[in-house]
Amino acid sequence: MRVINLFVKRCIDFFGSLFGLIVLSPLFIVVVILIKVSSKGPVFFLQDRLGKDGQTFKIIKFRTMVVNAEHLGDGLKVKEGDDPRITMIGRFLRKTSLDELPQLFNTLSGAMSLVGPRPPATYHPYNGYDNYPDWAKKRFEMRPGITGLVQATVRNSESWDDRIKIDNKYIEEFNVLLDFKILIMTFFRVLKSEDIYAPKVTEKDSMSKK
């Protein structure tokens, strides 16, 4: 049954991302123009992430921060929505999660899925796949997602290890119906714009939302 669910999941990922790219192409064009006229630098932000089985791939996002932001201010930490390194249009893109839309290309290519554990940076929260504890490596058994159970529930309000436990729960309970439920929950979660940034006391957030 799990094999069938995985096959259906990949079909949904392929055709869903293709349909999304076609339908949202006018929005893509508008966002591209706004980014170009509001700040200097490339439209897209590429970053190495850990995917299925710990393999590295390039995630694609709309750029929301000034160029070389990691060398300015708080460096790799992005703790608040009013961080001066975030561009004017970038603040809106982050709040609405529109900066994540280019990941439909990642999904179409098979590097990502519409639903799954979010792909972490190669150096955070652990430095490289091999440095993850065995229990945490379970989250890499499936393709990473544009959204996931964590994003549909706690977002960044919990510590990384607690979020990994939620990812592991998704892996264990996965089925296509659960994916649909997560997509619907994510939609309403995004509308509320809550828990986008990690709590100050944990200082866990990074440039991953750049």
C-alpha atoms as a PDB file:
ATOM      1  CA  MET A   1       0.000   0.000   0.000  1.00  0.00           C
ATOM      2  CA  ARG A   2       2.838   2.407   0.818  1.00  0.00           C
ATOM      3  CA  VAL A   3       4.414   1.756  -2.608  1.00  0.00           C
ATOM      4  CA  ILE A   4       1.138   2.679  -4.294  1.00  0.00           C
ATOM      5  CA  ASN A   5       0.843   5.839  -2.195  1.00  0.00           C
ATOM      6  CA  LEU A   6       4.390   6.855  -3.129  1.00  0.00           C
ATOM      7  CA  PHE A   7       3.662   6.297  -6.843  1.00  0.00           C
ATOM      8  CA  VAL A   8       0.464   8.364  -6.642  1.00  0.00           C
ATOM      9  CA  LYS A   9       2.356  11.021  -4.669  1.00  0.00           C
ATOM     10  CA  ARG A  10       4.970  11.383  -7.404  1.00  0.00           C
ATOM     11  CA  CYS A  11       2.277  11.638 -10.090  1.00  0.00           C
ATOM     12  CA  ILE A  12       0.549  14.370  -8.092  1.00  0.00           C
ATOM     13  CA  ASP A  13       3.895  16.133  -7.601  1.00  0.00           C
ATOM     14  CA  PHE A  14       4.723  16.100 -11.319  1.00  0.00           C
ATOM     15  CA  PHE A  15       1.367  17.136 -12.730  1.00  0.00           C
ATOM     16  CA  GLY A  16       0.566  19.413  -9.789  1.00  0.00           C
ATOM     17  CA  SER A  17       3.812  21.362 -10.100  1.00  0.00           C
ATOM     18  CA  LEU A  18       3.498  21.546 -13.892  1.00  0.00           C
ATOM     19  CA  PHE A  19      -0.049  22.856 -13.608  1.00  0.00           C
ATOM     20  CA  GLY A  20       1.013  25.281 -10.890  1.00  0.00           C
ATOM     21  CA  LEU A  21       3.852  26.696 -12.974  1.00  0.00           C
ATOM     22  CA  ILE A  22       1.543  27.241 -15.929  1.00  0.00           C
ATOM     23  CA  VAL A  23      -1.305  28.814 -13.963  1.00  0.00           C
ATOM     24  CA  LEU A  24       0.967  30.946 -11.776  1.00  0.00           C
ATOM     25  CA  SER A  25       3.242  32.131 -14.606  1.00  0.00           C
ATOM     26  CA  PRO A  26       1.619  35.628 -14.673  1.00  0.00           C
ATOM     27  CA  LEU A  27       2.269  35.946 -10.915  1.00  0.00           C
ATOM     28  CA  PHE A  28       5.863  34.818 -11.444  1.00  0.00           C
ATOM     29  CA  ILE A  29       6.349  37.584 -14.001  1.00  0.00           C
ATOM     30  CA  VAL A  30       4.936  40.231 -11.636  1.00  0.00           C
ATOM     31  CA  VAL A  31       7.144  39.075  -8.746  1.00  0.00           C
ATOM     32  CA  VAL A  32      10.233  39.009 -10.981  1.00  0.00           C
ATOM     33  CA  ILE A  33       9.593  42.609 -12.071  1.00  0.00           C
ATOM     34  CA  LEU A  34       8.999  43.785  -8.485  1.00  0.00           C
ATOM     35  CA  ILE A  35      12.223  42.191  -7.260  1.00  0.00           C
ATOM     36  CA  LYS A  36      14.262  43.711 -10.091  1.00  0.00           C
ATOM     37  CA  VAL A  37      12.923  47.250  -9.636  1.00  0.00           C
ATOM     38  CA  SER A  38      13.064  47.219  -5.820  1.00  0.00           C
ATOM     39  CA  SER A  39      16.654  46.041  -5.243  1.00  0.00           C
ATOM     40  CA  LYS A  40      19.902  45.194  -6.968  1.00  0.00           C
ATOM     41  CA  GLY A  41      20.817  41.565  -7.453  1.00  0.00           C
ATOM     42  CA  PRO A  42      19.491  38.324  -8.949  1.00  0.00           C
ATOM     43  CA  VAL A  43      15.810  37.423  -8.915  1.00  0.00           C
ATOM     44  CA  PHE A  44      16.350  33.945  -7.562  1.00  0.00           C
ATOM     45  CA  PHE A  45      18.172  32.709  -4.483  1.00  0.00           C
ATOM     46  CA  LEU A  46      19.901  29.325  -4.791  1.00  0.00           C
ATOM     47  CA  GLN A  47      21.156  27.404  -1.796  1.00  0.00           C
ATOM     48  CA  ASP A  48      22.506  23.903  -1.157  1.00  0.00           C
ATOM     49  CA  ARG A  49      20.017  21.816   0.815  1.00  0.00           C
ATOM     50  CA  LEU A  50      19.879  18.230   2.038  1.00  0.00           C
ATOM     51  CA  GLY A  51      17.275  16.139   0.241  1.00  0.00           C
ATOM     52  CA  LYS A  52      16.242  12.490   0.101  1.00  0.00           C
ATOM     53  CA  ASP A  53      18.840  10.146   1.614  1.00  0.00           C
ATOM     54  CA  GLY A  54      20.945  13.175   2.548  1.00  0.00           C
ATOM     55  CA  GLN A  55      21.779  14.037  -1.060  1.00  0.00           C
ATOM     56  CA  THR A  56      22.575  17.699  -1.780  1.00  0.00           C
ATOM     57  CA  PHE A  57      20.541  19.737  -4.277  1.00  0.00           C
ATOM     58  CA  LYS A  58      20.017  23.413  -5.130  1.00  0.00           C
ATOM     59  CA  ILE A  59      16.789  24.837  -3.750  1.00  0.00           C
ATOM     60  CA  ILE A  60      15.240  27.720  -5.712  1.00  0.00           C
ATOM     61  CA  LYS A  61      13.499  30.666  -4.083  1.00  0.00           C
ATOM     62  CA  PHE A  62      12.698  34.248  -4.921  1.00  0.00           C
ATOM     63  CA  ARG A  63      15.369  36.494  -3.381  1.00  0.00           C
ATOM     64  CA  THR A  64      13.985  38.382  -0.383  1.00  0.00           C
ATOM     65  CA  MET A  65      17.168  39.906   1.084  1.00  0.00           C
ATOM     66  CA  VAL A  66      19.916  42.221  -0.112  1.00  0.00           C
ATOM     67  CA  VAL A  67      22.913  40.661  -1.837  1.00  0.00           C
ATOM     68  CA  ASN A  68      25.553  39.266   0.559  1.00  0.00           C
ATOM     69  CA  ALA A  69      23.102  39.563   3.467  1.00  0.00           C
ATOM     70  CA  GLU A  70      24.909  36.721   5.262  1.00  0.00           C
ATOM     71  CA  HIS A  71      27.886  39.073   5.717  1.00  0.00           C
ATOM     72  CA  LEU A  72      25.794  41.905   7.156  1.00  0.00           C
ATOM     73  CA  GLY A  73      23.947  42.477  10.420  1.00  0.00           C
ATOM     74  CA  ASP A  74      23.230  39.253  12.302  1.00  0.00           C
ATOM     75  CA  GLY A  75      24.958  37.134   9.674  1.00  0.00           C
ATOM     76  CA  LEU A  76      23.194  33.828   9.189  1.00  0.00           C
ATOM     77  CA  LYS A  77      20.459  34.599  11.723  1.00  0.00           C
ATOM     78  CA  VAL A  78      17.175  36.114  10.612  1.00  0.00           C
ATOM     79  CA  LYS A  79      15.081  36.487  13.753  1.00  0.00           C
ATOM     80  CA  GLU A  80      12.566  39.192  12.932  1.00  0.00           C
ATOM     81  CA  GLY A  81      10.429  40.291  10.009  1.00  0.00           C
ATOM     82  CA  ASP A  82      11.772  43.839  10.304  1.00  0.00           C
ATOM     83  CA  ASP A  83      15.370  42.760   9.683  1.00  0.00           C
ATOM     84  CA  PRO A  84      16.793  45.693   7.646  1.00  0.00           C
ATOM     85  CA  ARG A  85      18.440  43.273   5.220  1.00  0.00           C
ATOM     86  CA  ILE A  86      15.027  42.096   3.992  1.00  0.00           C
ATOM     87  CA  THR A  87      13.933  44.040   0.919  1.00  0.00           C
ATOM     88  CA  MET A  88      10.604  45.831   0.682  1.00  0.00           C
ATOM     89  CA  ILE A  89       9.087  43.251  -1.654  1.00  0.00           C
ATOM     90  CA  GLY A  90      10.943  40.502   0.218  1.00  0.00           C
ATOM     91  CA  ARG A  91       9.029  41.256   3.406  1.00  0.00           C
ATOM     92  CA  PHE A  92       5.754  40.707   1.573  1.00  0.00           C
ATOM     93  CA  LEU A  93       7.009  37.561  -0.148  1.00  0.00           C
ATOM     94  CA  ARG A  94       8.080  36.045   3.167  1.00  0.00           C
ATOM     95  CA  LYS A  95       4.841  36.938   4.931  1.00  0.00           C
ATOM     96  CA  THR A  96       2.766  35.318   2.180  1.00  0.00           C
ATOM     97  CA  SER A  97       5.279  32.484   1.517  1.00  0.00           C
ATOM     98  CA  LEU A  98       5.307  33.476  -2.162  1.00  0.00           C
ATOM     99  CA  ASP A  99       9.107  33.288  -2.039  1.00  0.00           C
ATOM    100  CA  GLU A 100       8.708  29.497  -1.958  1.00  0.00           C
ATOM    101  CA  LEU A 101       6.876  29.256  -5.310  1.00  0.00           C
ATOM    102  CA  PRO A 102       9.992  28.653  -7.481  1.00  0.00           C
ATOM    103  CA  GLN A 103      10.375  25.348  -5.643  1.00  0.00           C
ATOM    104  CA  LEU A 104       7.737  24.074  -8.047  1.00  0.00           C
ATOM    105  CA  PHE A 105      10.707  23.693 -10.425  1.00  0.00           C
ATOM    106  CA  ASN A 106      12.445  21.548  -7.785  1.00  0.00           C
ATOM    107  CA  THR A 107       9.281  19.469  -7.481  1.00  0.00           C
ATOM    108  CA  LEU A 108       8.886  19.063 -11.227  1.00  0.00           C
ATOM    109  CA  SER A 109      12.469  17.790 -11.506  1.00  0.00           C
ATOM    110  CA  GLY A 110      11.961  15.269  -8.703  1.00  0.00           C
ATOM    111  CA  ALA A 111      14.342  16.829  -6.168  1.00  0.00           C
ATOM    112  CA  MET A 112      11.377  17.865  -4.001  1.00  0.00           C
ATOM    113  CA  SER A 113       7.731  17.038  -3.376  1.00  0.00           C
ATOM    114  CA  LEU A 114       4.725  19.235  -2.750  1.00  0.00           C
ATOM    115  CA  VAL A 115       4.550  17.755   0.769  1.00  0.00           C
ATOM    116  CA  GLY A 116       7.382  16.418   2.904  1.00  0.00           C
ATOM    117  CA  PRO A 117       9.939  17.439   5.531  1.00  0.00           C
ATOM    118  CA  ARG A 118      11.460  20.837   4.699  1.00  0.00           C
ATOM    119  CA  PRO A 119      15.021  20.461   3.350  1.00  0.00           C
ATOM    120  CA  PRO A 120      17.557  21.900   5.815  1.00  0.00           C
ATOM    121  CA  ALA A 121      20.689  23.809   4.839  1.00  0.00           C
ATOM    122  CA  THR A 122      23.745  21.572   4.594  1.00  0.00           C
ATOM    123  CA  TYR A 123      25.299  23.215   7.665  1.00  0.00           C
ATOM    124  CA  HIS A 124      22.248  23.712   9.915  1.00  0.00           C
ATOM    125  CA  PRO A 125      20.905  22.462  12.309  1.00  0.00           C
ATOM    126  CA  TYR A 126      23.649  19.821  11.983  1.00  0.00           C
ATOM    127  CA  ASN A 127      26.781  20.262   9.890  1.00  0.00           C
ATOM    128  CA  GLY A 128      26.236  17.715   7.137  1.00  0.00           C
ATOM    129  CA  TYR A 129      24.036  14.640   6.839  1.00  0.00           C
ATOM    130  CA  ASP A 130      26.586  12.377   8.542  1.00  0.00           C
ATOM    131  CA  ASN A 131      26.414  14.458  11.716  1.00  0.00           C
ATOM    132  CA  TYR A 132      22.679  13.961  12.193  1.00  0.00           C
ATOM    133  CA  PRO A 133      21.886  11.480  14.978  1.00  0.00           C
ATOM    134  CA  ASP A 134      20.467   8.195  13.680  1.00  0.00           C
ATOM    135  CA  TRP A 135      16.953   8.961  14.907  1.00  0.00           C
ATOM    136  CA  ALA A 136      16.943  12.270  13.008  1.00  0.00           C
ATOM    137  CA  LYS A 137      18.070  10.730   9.698  1.00  0.00           C
ATOM    138  CA  LYS A 138      14.615   9.185   9.337  1.00  0.00           C
ATOM    139  CA  ARG A 139      13.320  12.535   8.044  1.00  0.00           C
ATOM    140  CA  PHE A 140      15.458  12.047   4.925  1.00  0.00           C
ATOM    141  CA  GLU A 141      13.710   8.830   3.879  1.00  0.00           C
ATOM    142  CA  MET A 142      11.341  10.792   1.634  1.00  0.00           C
ATOM    143  CA  ARG A 143      11.736  13.711  -0.748  1.00  0.00           C
ATOM    144  CA  PRO A 144      11.683  17.096   1.020  1.00  0.00           C
ATOM    145  CA  GLY A 145       8.562  19.183   0.538  1.00  0.00           C
ATOM    146  CA  ILE A 146       7.560  22.733  -0.262  1.00  0.00           C
ATOM    147  CA  THR A 147       5.389  22.340   2.812  1.00  0.00           C
ATOM    148  CA  GLY A 148       5.087  19.672   5.454  1.00  0.00           C
ATOM    149  CA  LEU A 149       3.445  18.650   8.702  1.00  0.00           C
ATOM    150  CA  VAL A 150       5.699  21.082  10.593  1.00  0.00           C
ATOM    151  CA  GLN A 151       4.701  24.020   8.370  1.00  0.00           C
ATOM    152  CA  ALA A 152       1.027  23.082   8.717  1.00  0.00           C
ATOM    153  CA  THR A 153       1.230  23.005  12.506  1.00  0.00           C
ATOM    154  CA  VAL A 154       4.074  24.654  14.462  1.00  0.00           C
ATOM    155  CA  ARG A 155       6.159  26.291  11.669  1.00  0.00           C
ATOM    156  CA  ASN A 156       9.211  27.828  13.411  1.00  0.00           C
ATOM    157  CA  SER A 157       7.787  28.068  16.924  1.00  0.00           C
ATOM    158  CA  GLU A 158       9.499  24.842  18.079  1.00  0.00           C
ATOM    159  CA  SER A 159      13.162  23.830  18.299  1.00  0.00           C
ATOM    160  CA  TRP A 160      14.755  22.034  15.359  1.00  0.00           C
ATOM    161  CA  ASP A 161      14.874  18.683  17.164  1.00  0.00           C
ATOM    162  CA  ASP A 162      11.173  18.935  18.025  1.00  0.00           C
ATOM    163  CA  ARG A 163      10.393  19.777  14.399  1.00  0.00           C
ATOM    164  CA  ILE A 164      12.428  16.763  13.256  1.00  0.00           C
ATOM    165  CA  LYS A 165      10.291  14.549  15.516  1.00  0.00           C
ATOM    166  CA  ILE A 166       7.189  15.902  13.788  1.00  0.00           C
ATOM    167  CA  ASP A 167       8.808  15.166  10.397  1.00  0.00           C
ATOM    168  CA  ASN A 168       9.490  11.608  11.542  1.00  0.00           C
ATOM    169  CA  LYS A 169       5.829  11.256  12.517  1.00  0.00           C
ATOM    170  CA  TYR A 170       4.869  12.314   8.985  1.00  0.00           C
ATOM    171  CA  ILE A 171       7.223   9.706   7.503  1.00  0.00           C
ATOM    172  CA  GLU A 172       5.664   6.979   9.643  1.00  0.00           C
ATOM    173  CA  GLU A 173       2.046   7.945   8.968  1.00  0.00           C
ATOM    174  CA  PHE A 174       2.391   9.018   5.319  1.00  0.00           C
ATOM    175  CA  ASN A 175      -0.413   8.500   2.859  1.00  0.00           C
ATOM    176  CA  VAL A 176      -1.845  10.599   0.030  1.00  0.00           C
ATOM    177  CA  LEU A 177      -4.850  11.704   2.080  1.00  0.00           C
ATOM    178  CA  LEU A 178      -2.507  13.035   4.763  1.00  0.00           C
ATOM    179  CA  ASP A 179      -0.712  15.059   2.069  1.00  0.00           C
ATOM    180  CA  PHE A 180      -3.986  16.652   0.973  1.00  0.00           C
ATOM    181  CA  LYS A 181      -4.812  17.458   4.584  1.00  0.00           C
ATOM    182  CA  ILE A 182      -1.404  19.112   5.071  1.00  0.00           C
ATOM    183  CA  LEU A 183      -1.824  21.200   1.909  1.00  0.00           C
ATOM    184  CA  ILE A 184      -5.180  22.510   3.152  1.00  0.00           C
ATOM    185  CA  MET A 185      -3.823  23.161   6.654  1.00  0.00           C
ATOM    186  CA  THR A 186      -0.824  25.004   5.188  1.00  0.00           C
ATOM    187  CA  PHE A 187      -3.091  27.288   3.153  1.00  0.00           C
ATOM    188  CA  PHE A 188      -4.928  28.462   6.271  1.00  0.00           C
ATOM    189  CA  ARG A 189      -1.685  28.639   8.258  1.00  0.00           C
ATOM    190  CA  VAL A 190      -0.149  30.962   5.670  1.00  0.00           C
ATOM    191  CA  LEU A 191      -3.201  33.219   5.815  1.00  0.00           C
ATOM    192  CA  LYS A 192      -2.559  33.735   9.531  1.00  0.00           C
ATOM    193  CA  SER A 193       1.140  34.569   8.953  1.00  0.00           C
ATOM    194  CA  GLU A 194       2.105  33.161  12.367  1.00  0.00           C
ATOM    195  CA  ASP A 195       5.417  31.704  13.591  1.00  0.00           C
ATOM    196  CA  ILE A 196       7.324  32.694  10.458  1.00  0.00           C
ATOM    197  CA  TYR A 197      10.424  33.455  12.523  1.00  0.00           C
ATOM    198  CA  ALA A 198      11.974  31.422  15.317  1.00  0.00           C
ATOM    199  CA  PRO A 199      11.613  32.713  18.902  1.00  0.00           C
ATOM    200  CA  LYS A 200      14.433  34.992  20.004  1.00  0.00           C
ATOM    201  CA  VAL A 201      15.349  32.700  22.890  1.00  0.00           C
ATOM    202  CA  THR A 202      16.199  29.812  20.591  1.00  0.00           C
ATOM    203  CA  GLU A 203      18.039  31.764  17.898  1.00  0.00           C
ATOM    204  CA  LYS A 204      17.530  28.802  15.569  1.00  0.00           C
ATOM    205  CA  ASP A 205      16.559  30.622  12.426  1.00  0.00           C
ATOM    206  CA  SER A 206      19.046  31.078   9.583  1.00  0.00           C
ATOM    207  CA  MET A 207      19.421  32.377   6.076  1.00  0.00           C
ATOM    208  CA  SER A 208      17.233  29.533   4.836  1.00  0.00           C
ATOM    209  CA  LYS A 209      14.399  32.018   4.214  1.00  0.00           C
ATOM    210  CA  LYS A 210      16.654  34.345   2.229  1.00  0.00           C
END
